[in-house]
Amino acid sequence: LFPSATLAELVRMSGCPNPAAASA
């Protein structure tokens, strides 16, 4: 029901210091 939270968690788990994101 909350895919944005799941996607944000994936980005956070990546360990990237300054990740950039785009959504299509």
PDBML (XML) file of the C-alpha atoms, coordinates in Angstrom:
<?xml version="1.0" encoding="UTF-8" ?>
<PDBx:datablock datablockName="MODEL"
   xmlns:PDBx="http://pdbml.pdb.org/schema/pdbx-v50.xsd"
   xmlns:xsi="http://www.w3.org/2001/XMLSchema-instance"
   xsi:schemaLocation="http://pdbml.pdb.org/schema/pdbx-v50.xsd pdbx-v50.xsd">
   <PDBx:atom_siteCategory>
      <PDBx:atom_site id="1">
         <PDBx:B_iso_or_equiv>0.00</PDBx:B_iso_or_equiv>
         <PDBx:Cartn_x>0.000</PDBx:Cartn_x>
         <PDBx:Cartn_y>0.000</PDBx:Cartn_y>
         <PDBx:Cartn_z>0.000</PDBx:Cartn_z>
         <PDBx:auth_asym_id>A</PDBx:auth_asym_id>
         <PDBx:auth_atom_id>CA</PDBx:auth_atom_id>
         <PDBx:auth_comp_id>LEU</PDBx:auth_comp_id>
         <PDBx:auth_seq_id>1</PDBx:auth_seq_id>
         <PDBx:group_PDB>ATOM</PDBx:group_PDB>
         <PDBx:label_alt_id xsi:nil="true" />
         <PDBx:label_asym_id>A</PDBx:label_asym_id>
         <PDBx:label_atom_id>CA</PDBx:label_atom_id>
         <PDBx:label_comp_id>LEU</PDBx:label_comp_id>
         <PDBx:label_entity_id>1</PDBx:label_entity_id>
         <PDBx:label_seq_id>1</PDBx:label_seq_id>
         <PDBx:occupancy>1.00</PDBx:occupancy>
         <PDBx:pdbx_PDB_model_num>1</PDBx:pdbx_PDB_model_num>
         <PDBx:type_symbol>C</PDBx:type_symbol>
      </PDBx:atom_site>
      <PDBx:atom_site id="2">
         <PDBx:B_iso_or_equiv>0.00</PDBx:B_iso_or_equiv>
         <PDBx:Cartn_x>3.014</PDBx:Cartn_x>
         <PDBx:Cartn_y>2.289</PDBx:Cartn_y>
         <PDBx:Cartn_z>0.442</PDBx:Cartn_z>
         <PDBx:auth_asym_id>A</PDBx:auth_asym_id>
         <PDBx:auth_atom_id>CA</PDBx:auth_atom_id>
         <PDBx:auth_comp_id>PHE</PDBx:auth_comp_id>
         <PDBx:auth_seq_id>2</PDBx:auth_seq_id>
         <PDBx:group_PDB>ATOM</PDBx:group_PDB>
         <PDBx:label_alt_id xsi:nil="true" />
         <PDBx:label_asym_id>A</PDBx:label_asym_id>
         <PDBx:label_atom_id>CA</PDBx:label_atom_id>
         <PDBx:label_comp_id>PHE</PDBx:label_comp_id>
         <PDBx:label_entity_id>1</PDBx:label_entity_id>
         <PDBx:label_seq_id>2</PDBx:label_seq_id>
         <PDBx:occupancy>1.00</PDBx:occupancy>
         <PDBx:pdbx_PDB_model_num>1</PDBx:pdbx_PDB_model_num>
         <PDBx:type_symbol>C</PDBx:type_symbol>
      </PDBx:atom_site>
      <PDBx:atom_site id="3">
         <PDBx:B_iso_or_equiv>0.00</PDBx:B_iso_or_equiv>
         <PDBx:Cartn_x>5.446</PDBx:Cartn_x>
         <PDBx:Cartn_y>1.680</PDBx:Cartn_y>
         <PDBx:Cartn_z>-2.440</PDBx:Cartn_z>
         <PDBx:auth_asym_id>A</PDBx:auth_asym_id>
         <PDBx:auth_atom_id>CA</PDBx:auth_atom_id>
         <PDBx:auth_comp_id>PRO</PDBx:auth_comp_id>
         <PDBx:auth_seq_id>3</PDBx:auth_seq_id>
         <PDBx:group_PDB>ATOM</PDBx:group_PDB>
         <PDBx:label_alt_id xsi:nil="true" />
         <PDBx:label_asym_id>A</PDBx:label_asym_id>
         <PDBx:label_atom_id>CA</PDBx:label_atom_id>
         <PDBx:label_comp_id>PRO</PDBx:label_comp_id>
         <PDBx:label_entity_id>1</PDBx:label_entity_id>
         <PDBx:label_seq_id>3</PDBx:label_seq_id>
         <PDBx:occupancy>1.00</PDBx:occupancy>
         <PDBx:pdbx_PDB_model_num>1</PDBx:pdbx_PDB_model_num>
         <PDBx:type_symbol>C</PDBx:type_symbol>
      </PDBx:atom_site>
      <PDBx:atom_site id="4">
         <PDBx:B_iso_or_equiv>0.00</PDBx:B_iso_or_equiv>
         <PDBx:Cartn_x>7.197</PDBx:Cartn_x>
         <PDBx:Cartn_y>5.024</PDBx:Cartn_y>
         <PDBx:Cartn_z>-1.918</PDBx:Cartn_z>
         <PDBx:auth_asym_id>A</PDBx:auth_asym_id>
         <PDBx:auth_atom_id>CA</PDBx:auth_atom_id>
         <PDBx:auth_comp_id>SER</PDBx:auth_comp_id>
         <PDBx:auth_seq_id>4</PDBx:auth_seq_id>
         <PDBx:group_PDB>ATOM</PDBx:group_PDB>
         <PDBx:label_alt_id xsi:nil="true" />
         <PDBx:label_asym_id>A</PDBx:label_asym_id>
         <PDBx:label_atom_id>CA</PDBx:label_atom_id>
         <PDBx:label_comp_id>SER</PDBx:label_comp_id>
         <PDBx:label_entity_id>1</PDBx:label_entity_id>
         <PDBx:label_seq_id>4</PDBx:label_seq_id>
         <PDBx:occupancy>1.00</PDBx:occupancy>
         <PDBx:pdbx_PDB_model_num>1</PDBx:pdbx_PDB_model_num>
         <PDBx:type_symbol>C</PDBx:type_symbol>
      </PDBx:atom_site>
      <PDBx:atom_site id="5">
         <PDBx:B_iso_or_equiv>0.00</PDBx:B_iso_or_equiv>
         <PDBx:Cartn_x>8.360</PDBx:Cartn_x>
         <PDBx:Cartn_y>3.924</PDBx:Cartn_y>
         <PDBx:Cartn_z>1.515</PDBx:Cartn_z>
         <PDBx:auth_asym_id>A</PDBx:auth_asym_id>
         <PDBx:auth_atom_id>CA</PDBx:auth_atom_id>
         <PDBx:auth_comp_id>ALA</PDBx:auth_comp_id>
         <PDBx:auth_seq_id>5</PDBx:auth_seq_id>
         <PDBx:group_PDB>ATOM</PDBx:group_PDB>
         <PDBx:label_alt_id xsi:nil="true" />
         <PDBx:label_asym_id>A</PDBx:label_asym_id>
         <PDBx:label_atom_id>CA</PDBx:label_atom_id>
         <PDBx:label_comp_id>ALA</PDBx:label_comp_id>
         <PDBx:label_entity_id>1</PDBx:label_entity_id>
         <PDBx:label_seq_id>5</PDBx:label_seq_id>
         <PDBx:occupancy>1.00</PDBx:occupancy>
         <PDBx:pdbx_PDB_model_num>1</PDBx:pdbx_PDB_model_num>
         <PDBx:type_symbol>C</PDBx:type_symbol>
      </PDBx:atom_site>
      <PDBx:atom_site id="6">
         <PDBx:B_iso_or_equiv>0.00</PDBx:B_iso_or_equiv>
         <PDBx:Cartn_x>9.686</PDBx:Cartn_x>
         <PDBx:Cartn_y>0.664</PDBx:Cartn_y>
         <PDBx:Cartn_z>0.083</PDBx:Cartn_z>
         <PDBx:auth_asym_id>A</PDBx:auth_asym_id>
         <PDBx:auth_atom_id>CA</PDBx:auth_atom_id>
         <PDBx:auth_comp_id>THR</PDBx:auth_comp_id>
         <PDBx:auth_seq_id>6</PDBx:auth_seq_id>
         <PDBx:group_PDB>ATOM</PDBx:group_PDB>
         <PDBx:label_alt_id xsi:nil="true" />
         <PDBx:label_asym_id>A</PDBx:label_asym_id>
         <PDBx:label_atom_id>CA</PDBx:label_atom_id>
         <PDBx:label_comp_id>THR</PDBx:label_comp_id>
         <PDBx:label_entity_id>1</PDBx:label_entity_id>
         <PDBx:label_seq_id>6</PDBx:label_seq_id>
         <PDBx:occupancy>1.00</PDBx:occupancy>
         <PDBx:pdbx_PDB_model_num>1</PDBx:pdbx_PDB_model_num>
         <PDBx:type_symbol>C</PDBx:type_symbol>
      </PDBx:atom_site>
      <PDBx:atom_site id="7">
         <PDBx:B_iso_or_equiv>0.00</PDBx:B_iso_or_equiv>
         <PDBx:Cartn_x>11.524</PDBx:Cartn_x>
         <PDBx:Cartn_y>2.460</PDBx:Cartn_y>
         <PDBx:Cartn_z>-2.735</PDBx:Cartn_z>
         <PDBx:auth_asym_id>A</PDBx:auth_asym_id>
         <PDBx:auth_atom_id>CA</PDBx:auth_atom_id>
         <PDBx:auth_comp_id>LEU</PDBx:auth_comp_id>
         <PDBx:auth_seq_id>7</PDBx:auth_seq_id>
         <PDBx:group_PDB>ATOM</PDBx:group_PDB>
         <PDBx:label_alt_id xsi:nil="true" />
         <PDBx:label_asym_id>A</PDBx:label_asym_id>
         <PDBx:label_atom_id>CA</PDBx:label_atom_id>
         <PDBx:label_comp_id>LEU</PDBx:label_comp_id>
         <PDBx:label_entity_id>1</PDBx:label_entity_id>
         <PDBx:label_seq_id>7</PDBx:label_seq_id>
         <PDBx:occupancy>1.00</PDBx:occupancy>
         <PDBx:pdbx_PDB_model_num>1</PDBx:pdbx_PDB_model_num>
         <PDBx:type_symbol>C</PDBx:type_symbol>
      </PDBx:atom_site>
      <PDBx:atom_site id="8">
         <PDBx:B_iso_or_equiv>0.00</PDBx:B_iso_or_equiv>
         <PDBx:Cartn_x>13.027</PDBx:Cartn_x>
         <PDBx:Cartn_y>4.989</PDBx:Cartn_y>
         <PDBx:Cartn_z>-0.318</PDBx:Cartn_z>
         <PDBx:auth_asym_id>A</PDBx:auth_asym_id>
         <PDBx:auth_atom_id>CA</PDBx:auth_atom_id>
         <PDBx:auth_comp_id>ALA</PDBx:auth_comp_id>
         <PDBx:auth_seq_id>8</PDBx:auth_seq_id>
         <PDBx:group_PDB>ATOM</PDBx:group_PDB>
         <PDBx:label_alt_id xsi:nil="true" />
         <PDBx:label_asym_id>A</PDBx:label_asym_id>
         <PDBx:label_atom_id>CA</PDBx:label_atom_id>
         <PDBx:label_comp_id>ALA</PDBx:label_comp_id>
         <PDBx:label_entity_id>1</PDBx:label_entity_id>
         <PDBx:label_seq_id>8</PDBx:label_seq_id>
         <PDBx:occupancy>1.00</PDBx:occupancy>
         <PDBx:pdbx_PDB_model_num>1</PDBx:pdbx_PDB_model_num>
         <PDBx:type_symbol>C</PDBx:type_symbol>
      </PDBx:atom_site>
      <PDBx:atom_site id="9">
         <PDBx:B_iso_or_equiv>0.00</PDBx:B_iso_or_equiv>
         <PDBx:Cartn_x>14.196</PDBx:Cartn_x>
         <PDBx:Cartn_y>2.154</PDBx:Cartn_y>
         <PDBx:Cartn_z>1.925</PDBx:Cartn_z>
         <PDBx:auth_asym_id>A</PDBx:auth_asym_id>
         <PDBx:auth_atom_id>CA</PDBx:auth_atom_id>
         <PDBx:auth_comp_id>GLU</PDBx:auth_comp_id>
         <PDBx:auth_seq_id>9</PDBx:auth_seq_id>
         <PDBx:group_PDB>ATOM</PDBx:group_PDB>
         <PDBx:label_alt_id xsi:nil="true" />
         <PDBx:label_asym_id>A</PDBx:label_asym_id>
         <PDBx:label_atom_id>CA</PDBx:label_atom_id>
         <PDBx:label_comp_id>GLU</PDBx:label_comp_id>
         <PDBx:label_entity_id>1</PDBx:label_entity_id>
         <PDBx:label_seq_id>9</PDBx:label_seq_id>
         <PDBx:occupancy>1.00</PDBx:occupancy>
         <PDBx:pdbx_PDB_model_num>1</PDBx:pdbx_PDB_model_num>
         <PDBx:type_symbol>C</PDBx:type_symbol>
      </PDBx:atom_site>
      <PDBx:atom_site id="10">
         <PDBx:B_iso_or_equiv>0.00</PDBx:B_iso_or_equiv>
         <PDBx:Cartn_x>15.933</PDBx:Cartn_x>
         <PDBx:Cartn_y>0.479</PDBx:Cartn_y>
         <PDBx:Cartn_z>-1.045</PDBx:Cartn_z>
         <PDBx:auth_asym_id>A</PDBx:auth_asym_id>
         <PDBx:auth_atom_id>CA</PDBx:auth_atom_id>
         <PDBx:auth_comp_id>LEU</PDBx:auth_comp_id>
         <PDBx:auth_seq_id>10</PDBx:auth_seq_id>
         <PDBx:group_PDB>ATOM</PDBx:group_PDB>
         <PDBx:label_alt_id xsi:nil="true" />
         <PDBx:label_asym_id>A</PDBx:label_asym_id>
         <PDBx:label_atom_id>CA</PDBx:label_atom_id>
         <PDBx:label_comp_id>LEU</PDBx:label_comp_id>
         <PDBx:label_entity_id>1</PDBx:label_entity_id>
         <PDBx:label_seq_id>10</PDBx:label_seq_id>
         <PDBx:occupancy>1.00</PDBx:occupancy>
         <PDBx:pdbx_PDB_model_num>1</PDBx:pdbx_PDB_model_num>
         <PDBx:type_symbol>C</PDBx:type_symbol>
      </PDBx:atom_site>
      <PDBx:atom_site id="11">
         <PDBx:B_iso_or_equiv>0.00</PDBx:B_iso_or_equiv>
         <PDBx:Cartn_x>17.805</PDBx:Cartn_x>
         <PDBx:Cartn_y>3.700</PDBx:Cartn_y>
         <PDBx:Cartn_z>-1.770</PDBx:Cartn_z>
         <PDBx:auth_asym_id>A</PDBx:auth_asym_id>
         <PDBx:auth_atom_id>CA</PDBx:auth_atom_id>
         <PDBx:auth_comp_id>VAL</PDBx:auth_comp_id>
         <PDBx:auth_seq_id>11</PDBx:auth_seq_id>
         <PDBx:group_PDB>ATOM</PDBx:group_PDB>
         <PDBx:label_alt_id xsi:nil="true" />
         <PDBx:label_asym_id>A</PDBx:label_asym_id>
         <PDBx:label_atom_id>CA</PDBx:label_atom_id>
         <PDBx:label_comp_id>VAL</PDBx:label_comp_id>
         <PDBx:label_entity_id>1</PDBx:label_entity_id>
         <PDBx:label_seq_id>11</PDBx:label_seq_id>
         <PDBx:occupancy>1.00</PDBx:occupancy>
         <PDBx:pdbx_PDB_model_num>1</PDBx:pdbx_PDB_model_num>
         <PDBx:type_symbol>C</PDBx:type_symbol>
      </PDBx:atom_site>
      <PDBx:atom_site id="12">
         <PDBx:B_iso_or_equiv>0.00</PDBx:B_iso_or_equiv>
         <PDBx:Cartn_x>18.792</PDBx:Cartn_x>
         <PDBx:Cartn_y>4.107</PDBx:Cartn_y>
         <PDBx:Cartn_z>1.891</PDBx:Cartn_z>
         <PDBx:auth_asym_id>A</PDBx:auth_asym_id>
         <PDBx:auth_atom_id>CA</PDBx:auth_atom_id>
         <PDBx:auth_comp_id>ARG</PDBx:auth_comp_id>
         <PDBx:auth_seq_id>12</PDBx:auth_seq_id>
         <PDBx:group_PDB>ATOM</PDBx:group_PDB>
         <PDBx:label_alt_id xsi:nil="true" />
         <PDBx:label_asym_id>A</PDBx:label_asym_id>
         <PDBx:label_atom_id>CA</PDBx:label_atom_id>
         <PDBx:label_comp_id>ARG</PDBx:label_comp_id>
         <PDBx:label_entity_id>1</PDBx:label_entity_id>
         <PDBx:label_seq_id>12</PDBx:label_seq_id>
         <PDBx:occupancy>1.00</PDBx:occupancy>
         <PDBx:pdbx_PDB_model_num>1</PDBx:pdbx_PDB_model_num>
         <PDBx:type_symbol>C</PDBx:type_symbol>
      </PDBx:atom_site>
      <PDBx:atom_site id="13">
         <PDBx:B_iso_or_equiv>0.00</PDBx:B_iso_or_equiv>
         <PDBx:Cartn_x>19.984</PDBx:Cartn_x>
         <PDBx:Cartn_y>0.488</PDBx:Cartn_y>
         <PDBx:Cartn_z>2.095</PDBx:Cartn_z>
         <PDBx:auth_asym_id>A</PDBx:auth_asym_id>
         <PDBx:auth_atom_id>CA</PDBx:auth_atom_id>
         <PDBx:auth_comp_id>MET</PDBx:auth_comp_id>
         <PDBx:auth_seq_id>13</PDBx:auth_seq_id>
         <PDBx:group_PDB>ATOM</PDBx:group_PDB>
         <PDBx:label_alt_id xsi:nil="true" />
         <PDBx:label_asym_id>A</PDBx:label_asym_id>
         <PDBx:label_atom_id>CA</PDBx:label_atom_id>
         <PDBx:label_comp_id>MET</PDBx:label_comp_id>
         <PDBx:label_entity_id>1</PDBx:label_entity_id>
         <PDBx:label_seq_id>13</PDBx:label_seq_id>
         <PDBx:occupancy>1.00</PDBx:occupancy>
         <PDBx:pdbx_PDB_model_num>1</PDBx:pdbx_PDB_model_num>
         <PDBx:type_symbol>C</PDBx:type_symbol>
      </PDBx:atom_site>
      <PDBx:atom_site id="14">
         <PDBx:B_iso_or_equiv>0.00</PDBx:B_iso_or_equiv>
         <PDBx:Cartn_x>22.300</PDBx:Cartn_x>
         <PDBx:Cartn_y>1.054</PDBx:Cartn_y>
         <PDBx:Cartn_z>-0.886</PDBx:Cartn_z>
         <PDBx:auth_asym_id>A</PDBx:auth_asym_id>
         <PDBx:auth_atom_id>CA</PDBx:auth_atom_id>
         <PDBx:auth_comp_id>SER</PDBx:auth_comp_id>
         <PDBx:auth_seq_id>14</PDBx:auth_seq_id>
         <PDBx:group_PDB>ATOM</PDBx:group_PDB>
         <PDBx:label_alt_id xsi:nil="true" />
         <PDBx:label_asym_id>A</PDBx:label_asym_id>
         <PDBx:label_atom_id>CA</PDBx:label_atom_id>
         <PDBx:label_comp_id>SER</PDBx:label_comp_id>
         <PDBx:label_entity_id>1</PDBx:label_entity_id>
         <PDBx:label_seq_id>14</PDBx:label_seq_id>
         <PDBx:occupancy>1.00</PDBx:occupancy>
         <PDBx:pdbx_PDB_model_num>1</PDBx:pdbx_PDB_model_num>
         <PDBx:type_symbol>C</PDBx:type_symbol>
      </PDBx:atom_site>
      <PDBx:atom_site id="15">
         <PDBx:B_iso_or_equiv>0.00</PDBx:B_iso_or_equiv>
         <PDBx:Cartn_x>24.802</PDBx:Cartn_x>
         <PDBx:Cartn_y>2.879</PDBx:Cartn_y>
         <PDBx:Cartn_z>1.272</PDBx:Cartn_z>
         <PDBx:auth_asym_id>A</PDBx:auth_asym_id>
         <PDBx:auth_atom_id>CA</PDBx:auth_atom_id>
         <PDBx:auth_comp_id>GLY</PDBx:auth_comp_id>
         <PDBx:auth_seq_id>15</PDBx:auth_seq_id>
         <PDBx:group_PDB>ATOM</PDBx:group_PDB>
         <PDBx:label_alt_id xsi:nil="true" />
         <PDBx:label_asym_id>A</PDBx:label_asym_id>
         <PDBx:label_atom_id>CA</PDBx:label_atom_id>
         <PDBx:label_comp_id>GLY</PDBx:label_comp_id>
         <PDBx:label_entity_id>1</PDBx:label_entity_id>
         <PDBx:label_seq_id>15</PDBx:label_seq_id>
         <PDBx:occupancy>1.00</PDBx:occupancy>
         <PDBx:pdbx_PDB_model_num>1</PDBx:pdbx_PDB_model_num>
         <PDBx:type_symbol>C</PDBx:type_symbol>
      </PDBx:atom_site>
      <PDBx:atom_site id="16">
         <PDBx:B_iso_or_equiv>0.00</PDBx:B_iso_or_equiv>
         <PDBx:Cartn_x>25.302</PDBx:Cartn_x>
         <PDBx:Cartn_y>5.619</PDBx:Cartn_y>
         <PDBx:Cartn_z>-1.329</PDBx:Cartn_z>
         <PDBx:auth_asym_id>A</PDBx:auth_asym_id>
         <PDBx:auth_atom_id>CA</PDBx:auth_atom_id>
         <PDBx:auth_comp_id>CYS</PDBx:auth_comp_id>
         <PDBx:auth_seq_id>16</PDBx:auth_seq_id>
         <PDBx:group_PDB>ATOM</PDBx:group_PDB>
         <PDBx:label_alt_id xsi:nil="true" />
         <PDBx:label_asym_id>A</PDBx:label_asym_id>
         <PDBx:label_atom_id>CA</PDBx:label_atom_id>
         <PDBx:label_comp_id>CYS</PDBx:label_comp_id>
         <PDBx:label_entity_id>1</PDBx:label_entity_id>
         <PDBx:label_seq_id>16</PDBx:label_seq_id>
         <PDBx:occupancy>1.00</PDBx:occupancy>
         <PDBx:pdbx_PDB_model_num>1</PDBx:pdbx_PDB_model_num>
         <PDBx:type_symbol>C</PDBx:type_symbol>
      </PDBx:atom_site>
      <PDBx:atom_site id="17">
         <PDBx:B_iso_or_equiv>0.00</PDBx:B_iso_or_equiv>
         <PDBx:Cartn_x>26.310</PDBx:Cartn_x>
         <PDBx:Cartn_y>8.901</PDBx:Cartn_y>
         <PDBx:Cartn_z>0.322</PDBx:Cartn_z>
         <PDBx:auth_asym_id>A</PDBx:auth_asym_id>
         <PDBx:auth_atom_id>CA</PDBx:auth_atom_id>
         <PDBx:auth_comp_id>PRO</PDBx:auth_comp_id>
         <PDBx:auth_seq_id>17</PDBx:auth_seq_id>
         <PDBx:group_PDB>ATOM</PDBx:group_PDB>
         <PDBx:label_alt_id xsi:nil="true" />
         <PDBx:label_asym_id>A</PDBx:label_asym_id>
         <PDBx:label_atom_id>CA</PDBx:label_atom_id>
         <PDBx:label_comp_id>PRO</PDBx:label_comp_id>
         <PDBx:label_entity_id>1</PDBx:label_entity_id>
         <PDBx:label_seq_id>17</PDBx:label_seq_id>
         <PDBx:occupancy>1.00</PDBx:occupancy>
         <PDBx:pdbx_PDB_model_num>1</PDBx:pdbx_PDB_model_num>
         <PDBx:type_symbol>C</PDBx:type_symbol>
      </PDBx:atom_site>
      <PDBx:atom_site id="18">
         <PDBx:B_iso_or_equiv>0.00</PDBx:B_iso_or_equiv>
         <PDBx:Cartn_x>24.388</PDBx:Cartn_x>
         <PDBx:Cartn_y>11.122</PDBx:Cartn_y>
         <PDBx:Cartn_z>-2.148</PDBx:Cartn_z>
         <PDBx:auth_asym_id>A</PDBx:auth_asym_id>
         <PDBx:auth_atom_id>CA</PDBx:auth_atom_id>
         <PDBx:auth_comp_id>ASN</PDBx:auth_comp_id>
         <PDBx:auth_seq_id>18</PDBx:auth_seq_id>
         <PDBx:group_PDB>ATOM</PDBx:group_PDB>
         <PDBx:label_alt_id xsi:nil="true" />
         <PDBx:label_asym_id>A</PDBx:label_asym_id>
         <PDBx:label_atom_id>CA</PDBx:label_atom_id>
         <PDBx:label_comp_id>ASN</PDBx:label_comp_id>
         <PDBx:label_entity_id>1</PDBx:label_entity_id>
         <PDBx:label_seq_id>18</PDBx:label_seq_id>
         <PDBx:occupancy>1.00</PDBx:occupancy>
         <PDBx:pdbx_PDB_model_num>1</PDBx:pdbx_PDB_model_num>
         <PDBx:type_symbol>C</PDBx:type_symbol>
      </PDBx:atom_site>
      <PDBx:atom_site id="19">
         <PDBx:B_iso_or_equiv>0.00</PDBx:B_iso_or_equiv>
         <PDBx:Cartn_x>22.012</PDBx:Cartn_x>
         <PDBx:Cartn_y>9.001</PDBx:Cartn_y>
         <PDBx:Cartn_z>-4.219</PDBx:Cartn_z>
         <PDBx:auth_asym_id>A</PDBx:auth_asym_id>
         <PDBx:auth_atom_id>CA</PDBx:auth_atom_id>
         <PDBx:auth_comp_id>PRO</PDBx:auth_comp_id>
         <PDBx:auth_seq_id>19</PDBx:auth_seq_id>
         <PDBx:group_PDB>ATOM</PDBx:group_PDB>
         <PDBx:label_alt_id xsi:nil="true" />
         <PDBx:label_asym_id>A</PDBx:label_asym_id>
         <PDBx:label_atom_id>CA</PDBx:label_atom_id>
         <PDBx:label_comp_id>PRO</PDBx:label_comp_id>
         <PDBx:label_entity_id>1</PDBx:label_entity_id>
         <PDBx:label_seq_id>19</PDBx:label_seq_id>
         <PDBx:occupancy>1.00</PDBx:occupancy>
         <PDBx:pdbx_PDB_model_num>1</PDBx:pdbx_PDB_model_num>
         <PDBx:type_symbol>C</PDBx:type_symbol>
      </PDBx:atom_site>
      <PDBx:atom_site id="20">
         <PDBx:B_iso_or_equiv>0.00</PDBx:B_iso_or_equiv>
         <PDBx:Cartn_x>19.959</PDBx:Cartn_x>
         <PDBx:Cartn_y>10.523</PDBx:Cartn_y>
         <PDBx:Cartn_z>-7.018</PDBx:Cartn_z>
         <PDBx:auth_asym_id>A</PDBx:auth_asym_id>
         <PDBx:auth_atom_id>CA</PDBx:auth_atom_id>
         <PDBx:auth_comp_id>ALA</PDBx:auth_comp_id>
         <PDBx:auth_seq_id>20</PDBx:auth_seq_id>
         <PDBx:group_PDB>ATOM</PDBx:group_PDB>
         <PDBx:label_alt_id xsi:nil="true" />
         <PDBx:label_asym_id>A</PDBx:label_asym_id>
         <PDBx:label_atom_id>CA</PDBx:label_atom_id>
         <PDBx:label_comp_id>ALA</PDBx:label_comp_id>
         <PDBx:label_entity_id>1</PDBx:label_entity_id>
         <PDBx:label_seq_id>20</PDBx:label_seq_id>
         <PDBx:occupancy>1.00</PDBx:occupancy>
         <PDBx:pdbx_PDB_model_num>1</PDBx:pdbx_PDB_model_num>
         <PDBx:type_symbol>C</PDBx:type_symbol>
      </PDBx:atom_site>
      <PDBx:atom_site id="21">
         <PDBx:B_iso_or_equiv>0.00</PDBx:B_iso_or_equiv>
         <PDBx:Cartn_x>16.582</PDBx:Cartn_x>
         <PDBx:Cartn_y>9.129</PDBx:Cartn_y>
         <PDBx:Cartn_z>-8.029</PDBx:Cartn_z>
         <PDBx:auth_asym_id>A</PDBx:auth_asym_id>
         <PDBx:auth_atom_id>CA</PDBx:auth_atom_id>
         <PDBx:auth_comp_id>ALA</PDBx:auth_comp_id>
         <PDBx:auth_seq_id>21</PDBx:auth_seq_id>
         <PDBx:group_PDB>ATOM</PDBx:group_PDB>
         <PDBx:label_alt_id xsi:nil="true" />
         <PDBx:label_asym_id>A</PDBx:label_asym_id>
         <PDBx:label_atom_id>CA</PDBx:label_atom_id>
         <PDBx:label_comp_id>ALA</PDBx:label_comp_id>
         <PDBx:label_entity_id>1</PDBx:label_entity_id>
         <PDBx:label_seq_id>21</PDBx:label_seq_id>
         <PDBx:occupancy>1.00</PDBx:occupancy>
         <PDBx:pdbx_PDB_model_num>1</PDBx:pdbx_PDB_model_num>
         <PDBx:type_symbol>C</PDBx:type_symbol>
      </PDBx:atom_site>
      <PDBx:atom_site id="22">
         <PDBx:B_iso_or_equiv>0.00</PDBx:B_iso_or_equiv>
         <PDBx:Cartn_x>14.217</PDBx:Cartn_x>
         <PDBx:Cartn_y>9.334</PDBx:Cartn_y>
         <PDBx:Cartn_z>-10.961</PDBx:Cartn_z>
         <PDBx:auth_asym_id>A</PDBx:auth_asym_id>
         <PDBx:auth_atom_id>CA</PDBx:auth_atom_id>
         <PDBx:auth_comp_id>ALA</PDBx:auth_comp_id>
         <PDBx:auth_seq_id>22</PDBx:auth_seq_id>
         <PDBx:group_PDB>ATOM</PDBx:group_PDB>
         <PDBx:label_alt_id xsi:nil="true" />
         <PDBx:label_asym_id>A</PDBx:label_asym_id>
         <PDBx:label_atom_id>CA</PDBx:label_atom_id>
         <PDBx:label_comp_id>ALA</PDBx:label_comp_id>
         <PDBx:label_entity_id>1</PDBx:label_entity_id>
         <PDBx:label_seq_id>22</PDBx:label_seq_id>
         <PDBx:occupancy>1.00</PDBx:occupancy>
         <PDBx:pdbx_PDB_model_num>1</PDBx:pdbx_PDB_model_num>
         <PDBx:type_symbol>C</PDBx:type_symbol>
      </PDBx:atom_site>
      <PDBx:atom_site id="23">
         <PDBx:B_iso_or_equiv>0.00</PDBx:B_iso_or_equiv>
         <PDBx:Cartn_x>10.819</PDBx:Cartn_x>
         <PDBx:Cartn_y>7.770</PDBx:Cartn_y>
         <PDBx:Cartn_z>-11.408</PDBx:Cartn_z>
         <PDBx:auth_asym_id>A</PDBx:auth_asym_id>
         <PDBx:auth_atom_id>CA</PDBx:auth_atom_id>
         <PDBx:auth_comp_id>SER</PDBx:auth_comp_id>
         <PDBx:auth_seq_id>23</PDBx:auth_seq_id>
         <PDBx:group_PDB>ATOM</PDBx:group_PDB>
         <PDBx:label_alt_id xsi:nil="true" />
         <PDBx:label_asym_id>A</PDBx:label_asym_id>
         <PDBx:label_atom_id>CA</PDBx:label_atom_id>
         <PDBx:label_comp_id>SER</PDBx:label_comp_id>
         <PDBx:label_entity_id>1</PDBx:label_entity_id>
         <PDBx:label_seq_id>23</PDBx:label_seq_id>
         <PDBx:occupancy>1.00</PDBx:occupancy>
         <PDBx:pdbx_PDB_model_num>1</PDBx:pdbx_PDB_model_num>
         <PDBx:type_symbol>C</PDBx:type_symbol>
      </PDBx:atom_site>
      <PDBx:atom_site id="24">
         <PDBx:B_iso_or_equiv>0.00</PDBx:B_iso_or_equiv>
         <PDBx:Cartn_x>9.136</PDBx:Cartn_x>
         <PDBx:Cartn_y>6.890</PDBx:Cartn_y>
         <PDBx:Cartn_z>-14.693</PDBx:Cartn_z>
         <PDBx:auth_asym_id>A</PDBx:auth_asym_id>
         <PDBx:auth_atom_id>CA</PDBx:auth_atom_id>
         <PDBx:auth_comp_id>ALA</PDBx:auth_comp_id>
         <PDBx:auth_seq_id>24</PDBx:auth_seq_id>
         <PDBx:group_PDB>ATOM</PDBx:group_PDB>
         <PDBx:label_alt_id xsi:nil="true" />
         <PDBx:label_asym_id>A</PDBx:label_asym_id>
         <PDBx:label_atom_id>CA</PDBx:label_atom_id>
         <PDBx:label_comp_id>ALA</PDBx:label_comp_id>
         <PDBx:label_entity_id>1</PDBx:label_entity_id>
         <PDBx:label_seq_id>24</PDBx:label_seq_id>
         <PDBx:occupancy>1.00</PDBx:occupancy>
         <PDBx:pdbx_PDB_model_num>1</PDBx:pdbx_PDB_model_num>
         <PDBx:type_symbol>C</PDBx:type_symbol>
      </PDBx:atom_site>
   </PDBx:atom_siteCategory>
</PDBx:datablock>
